[in-house]
Amino acid sequence: MTRKTSPDELHVLLGTRLTGEGEQWLTAALDRTRQDRAAIGALFPAAGRRCGRGPLLDVESSRPPDPRFRGWTVDDAARTLMMAALPLHGTDLGDEVAALYRYGDAAEKRGVLRGLGPLDTDGKLGDHALPLVHDGLRTNDTRLITAALASYGARYLQPAAYRQGVLKCVFLGIPLADIAGLDERADAELARMLTDYARERRAAGRDVPADVLGLVDPTDITLSREA
């Protein structure tokens, strides 16, 4: 099972990537958000400029990267902590998060989608933000699609929607390693869909991505080709 990420854990990791000025700004932003939920409307867009937009993981570290933070940026993490600081839960939290998504640019939308998993670590959000995941999956922005299939999407998407999301990633060339929950949620129907895709690729004389081959029975593809 994919280990959940708590806001506290994310805060510790983010602290290693912030400048002193960025850390001071974020601390003040979190305090303001806790005291006044409306403050997040102005603070959320400023996260990239004030905290940075680089990768959250230290690419030069000798330690193996934590797969839970693959693709995360510093501003994704900062925005997640802001949402976690909101003194709300359930439907009220879902409505506030939806507004941040609705009025945000692509980076802000990505931050919302990535942050849903940590925001729901203790179940305080529930499935109230699931419409945002569906919206992200309807786009052709690979960053939003990947973020939509992070831990929250893997937790709450219905099986058919999750399978279609995985298939869309395959068609768009998004690495399957970027999709959360695949080990737990891959099933016979997804294997069938990916097998059909692989057969079509082989029939057209095209290579099948290695990560797709890892989820199908190679003999199913070979036998179909020989037939």
Protein backbone atom coordinates (compact mmCIF):
# COMPACT_ATOMS: atom_id res chain seq x y z
CA MET A 1 0.00 0.00 0.00
CA THR A 2 1.15 3.55 -0.75
CA ARG A 3 2.10 5.28 2.48
CA LYS A 4 0.08 8.41 3.21
CA THR A 5 1.77 11.79 3.43
CA SER A 6 0.85 14.09 6.30
CA PRO A 7 1.10 17.90 6.13
CA ASP A 8 3.62 17.78 8.99
CA GLU A 9 5.88 15.44 7.04
CA LEU A 10 5.56 17.64 3.98
CA HIS A 11 6.43 20.72 6.04
CA VAL A 12 9.67 19.12 7.23
CA LEU A 13 10.69 18.25 3.68
CA LEU A 14 9.76 21.69 2.38
CA GLY A 15 11.87 23.31 5.08
CA THR A 16 14.98 21.83 3.48
CA ARG A 17 14.20 23.57 0.18
CA LEU A 18 13.19 27.06 1.31
CA THR A 19 15.38 30.10 1.68
CA GLY A 20 15.23 31.97 4.98
CA GLU A 21 13.05 34.62 3.37
CA GLY A 22 10.77 32.00 1.85
CA GLU A 23 10.38 30.22 5.18
CA GLN A 24 9.49 33.47 6.95
CA TRP A 25 6.89 34.29 4.32
CA LEU A 26 5.33 30.83 4.50
CA THR A 27 5.16 30.88 8.31
CA ALA A 28 3.34 34.21 8.20
CA ALA A 29 1.06 32.98 5.41
CA LEU A 30 0.07 29.89 7.39
CA ASP A 31 -0.65 31.97 10.49
CA ARG A 32 -2.85 34.35 8.50
CA THR A 33 -4.73 31.47 6.91
CA ARG A 34 -5.44 29.86 10.28
CA GLN A 35 -6.82 33.15 11.61
CA ASP A 36 -8.68 34.28 8.50
CA ARG A 37 -9.78 31.75 5.88
CA ALA A 38 -10.30 34.54 3.32
CA ALA A 39 -6.58 35.41 3.40
CA ILE A 40 -5.70 32.34 1.36
CA GLY A 41 -7.25 33.90 -1.74
CA ALA A 42 -4.39 36.40 -2.03
CA LEU A 43 -1.65 34.20 -0.57
CA PHE A 44 -2.21 31.11 -2.71
CA PRO A 45 -1.16 32.70 -6.04
CA ALA A 46 1.97 34.20 -4.45
CA ALA A 47 3.44 30.88 -3.30
CA GLY A 48 5.56 30.32 -6.40
CA ARG A 49 7.07 33.79 -6.35
CA ARG A 50 7.73 33.82 -2.60
CA CYS A 51 8.74 30.20 -1.98
CA GLY A 52 10.14 29.07 -5.33
CA ARG A 53 9.08 26.79 -8.17
CA GLY A 54 11.91 24.25 -8.21
CA PRO A 55 11.64 20.52 -7.53
CA LEU A 56 10.72 19.56 -3.99
CA LEU A 57 13.15 16.65 -3.95
CA ASP A 58 16.87 17.39 -3.86
CA VAL A 59 18.10 15.93 -7.15
CA GLU A 60 21.69 16.04 -5.90
CA SER A 61 20.99 14.08 -2.72
CA SER A 62 22.72 10.73 -2.32
CA ARG A 63 19.57 9.31 -0.69
CA PRO A 64 17.01 7.50 -2.90
CA PRO A 65 14.12 9.87 -3.76
CA ASP A 66 10.81 9.26 -2.01
CA PRO A 67 8.41 8.14 -4.79
CA ARG A 68 5.50 9.89 -3.03
CA PHE A 69 7.01 13.26 -4.00
CA ARG A 70 7.93 12.42 -7.56
CA GLY A 71 7.06 15.48 -9.68
CA TRP A 72 6.27 17.74 -6.71
CA THR A 73 7.51 21.33 -6.76
CA VAL A 74 8.27 23.66 -3.87
CA ASP A 75 5.19 25.75 -4.60
CA ASP A 76 3.01 22.61 -4.71
CA ALA A 77 4.12 21.85 -1.16
CA ALA A 78 3.65 25.43 0.06
CA ARG A 79 0.12 25.54 -1.35
CA THR A 80 -0.69 22.19 0.24
CA LEU A 81 0.32 23.51 3.65
CA MET A 82 -1.84 26.60 3.13
CA MET A 83 -4.87 24.43 2.39
CA ALA A 84 -4.10 22.28 5.43
CA ALA A 85 -4.03 25.44 7.57
CA LEU A 86 -7.63 26.31 6.70
CA PRO A 87 -9.83 25.95 9.81
CA LEU A 88 -12.36 23.91 7.84
CA HIS A 89 -13.33 20.32 7.15
CA GLY A 90 -15.77 18.29 5.08
CA THR A 91 -18.01 20.15 2.65
CA ASP A 92 -16.76 23.58 3.76
CA LEU A 93 -13.17 22.59 3.10
CA GLY A 94 -14.13 21.05 -0.23
CA ASP A 95 -15.87 24.27 -1.30
CA GLU A 96 -12.87 26.42 -0.36
CA VAL A 97 -10.45 24.14 -2.17
CA ALA A 98 -12.73 24.09 -5.22
CA ALA A 99 -12.66 27.90 -5.36
CA LEU A 100 -8.85 27.91 -5.26
CA TYR A 101 -8.84 25.44 -8.13
CA ARG A 102 -11.51 27.21 -10.16
CA TYR A 103 -9.83 30.62 -10.10
CA GLY A 104 -6.23 29.42 -10.19
CA ASP A 105 -3.78 29.21 -13.07
CA ALA A 106 -2.29 25.88 -14.16
CA ALA A 107 0.33 25.87 -11.40
CA GLU A 108 -2.27 26.65 -8.74
CA LYS A 109 -4.60 23.94 -10.05
CA ARG A 110 -1.73 21.47 -9.96
CA GLY A 111 -0.94 22.49 -6.38
CA VAL A 112 -4.55 21.91 -5.36
CA LEU A 113 -4.68 18.46 -6.97
CA ARG A 114 -1.36 17.36 -5.49
CA GLY A 115 -2.34 18.68 -2.09
CA LEU A 116 -5.62 16.78 -1.81
CA GLY A 117 -3.94 13.60 -0.56
CA PRO A 118 -2.06 15.17 2.36
CA LEU A 119 -5.12 17.31 3.08
CA ASP A 120 -7.18 14.15 3.54
CA THR A 121 -4.66 12.24 5.65
CA ASP A 122 -6.99 12.28 8.65
CA GLY A 123 -10.15 12.06 6.54
CA LYS A 124 -11.12 15.71 7.08
CA LEU A 125 -11.78 16.25 3.36
CA GLY A 126 -13.38 12.98 2.33
CA ASP A 127 -14.51 12.71 -1.28
CA HIS A 128 -15.74 16.32 -1.43
CA ALA A 129 -12.94 17.32 -3.84
CA LEU A 130 -13.43 14.42 -6.23
CA PRO A 131 -15.01 16.67 -8.93
CA LEU A 132 -11.67 18.49 -9.14
CA VAL A 133 -9.92 15.21 -9.90
CA HIS A 134 -12.38 14.50 -12.70
CA ASP A 135 -11.81 17.99 -14.09
CA GLY A 136 -8.05 17.50 -14.07
CA LEU A 137 -8.41 14.21 -15.93
CA ARG A 138 -10.50 15.88 -18.63
CA THR A 139 -7.66 18.22 -19.56
CA ASN A 140 -4.76 17.48 -21.90
CA ASP A 141 -2.26 19.10 -19.53
CA THR A 142 0.03 16.24 -18.50
CA ARG A 143 0.93 18.03 -15.26
CA LEU A 144 -2.72 18.24 -14.19
CA ILE A 145 -3.48 14.68 -15.25
CA THR A 146 -0.53 13.37 -13.26
CA ALA A 147 -1.56 15.43 -10.22
CA ALA A 148 -5.15 14.19 -10.55
CA LEU A 149 -3.86 10.63 -10.31
CA ALA A 150 -1.89 11.32 -7.15
CA SER A 151 -2.84 9.68 -3.85
CA TYR A 152 -6.25 11.37 -3.49
CA GLY A 153 -7.42 10.29 -6.93
CA ALA A 154 -6.09 6.80 -6.34
CA ARG A 155 -8.07 6.68 -3.09
CA TYR A 156 -11.45 7.95 -4.28
CA LEU A 157 -11.85 7.43 -8.03
CA GLN A 158 -14.27 4.71 -9.04
CA PRO A 159 -12.59 1.75 -10.79
CA ALA A 160 -13.76 2.68 -14.30
CA ALA A 161 -12.60 6.30 -13.94
CA TYR A 162 -9.25 5.21 -12.52
CA ARG A 163 -8.70 2.79 -15.43
CA GLN A 164 -9.55 5.47 -17.99
CA GLY A 165 -7.12 7.83 -16.27
CA VAL A 166 -4.34 5.27 -16.48
CA LEU A 167 -5.09 4.63 -20.15
CA LYS A 168 -5.02 8.37 -20.87
CA CYS A 169 -1.59 8.55 -19.24
CA VAL A 170 -0.38 5.76 -21.52
CA PHE A 171 -1.65 7.54 -24.64
CA LEU A 172 -0.04 10.82 -23.56
CA GLY A 173 3.28 9.24 -22.64
CA ILE A 174 3.02 9.90 -18.91
CA PRO A 175 5.19 7.35 -17.05
CA LEU A 176 3.09 4.88 -15.09
CA ALA A 177 5.52 5.35 -12.20
CA ASP A 178 3.94 8.80 -11.76
CA ILE A 179 0.51 7.28 -11.02
CA ALA A 180 -0.35 6.60 -7.39
CA GLY A 181 -1.95 3.38 -6.25
CA LEU A 182 -1.30 1.37 -9.39
CA ASP A 183 0.04 -1.65 -7.49
CA GLU A 184 -3.16 -1.80 -5.44
CA ARG A 185 -5.69 -0.81 -8.11
CA ALA A 186 -4.48 -2.62 -11.22
CA ASP A 187 -7.04 -5.30 -12.04
CA ALA A 188 -7.97 -7.74 -14.79
CA GLU A 189 -10.01 -5.15 -16.70
CA LEU A 190 -7.12 -2.67 -16.73
CA ALA A 191 -4.82 -5.46 -17.92
CA ARG A 192 -7.26 -6.21 -20.74
CA MET A 193 -7.39 -2.55 -21.79
CA LEU A 194 -3.61 -2.28 -21.78
CA THR A 195 -3.30 -5.55 -23.68
CA ASP A 196 -5.58 -4.18 -26.42
CA TYR A 197 -3.43 -1.04 -26.55
CA ALA A 198 -0.23 -3.09 -26.78
CA ARG A 199 -1.68 -5.26 -29.56
CA GLU A 200 -2.59 -2.18 -31.58
CA ARG A 201 0.91 -0.78 -31.13
CA ARG A 202 2.53 -4.03 -32.20
CA ALA A 203 0.19 -4.38 -35.19
CA ALA A 204 1.23 -0.90 -36.33
CA GLY A 205 4.91 -1.81 -35.98
CA ARG A 206 5.40 0.43 -32.97
CA ASP A 207 7.17 -0.26 -29.70
CA VAL A 208 5.16 -0.85 -26.55
CA PRO A 209 6.31 1.19 -23.53
CA ALA A 210 8.20 -0.93 -21.04
CA ASP A 211 6.00 0.12 -18.13
CA VAL A 212 2.92 -1.08 -20.03
CA LEU A 213 4.54 -4.46 -20.70
CA GLY A 214 5.02 -4.79 -16.96
CA LEU A 215 1.23 -4.82 -16.46
CA VAL A 216 0.22 -7.28 -19.19
CA ASP A 217 0.95 -10.88 -20.09
CA PRO A 218 3.46 -10.70 -22.97
CA THR A 219 2.15 -13.99 -24.37
CA ASP A 220 -1.26 -12.41 -24.94
CA ILE A 221 0.36 -9.84 -27.20
CA THR A 222 2.62 -12.34 -28.96
CA LEU A 223 -0.15 -14.85 -29.63
CA SER A 224 -2.39 -12.14 -31.04
CA ARG A 225 0.36 -10.98 -33.37
CA GLU A 226 1.00 -14.53 -34.63
CA ALA A 227 -2.71 -15.09 -35.21
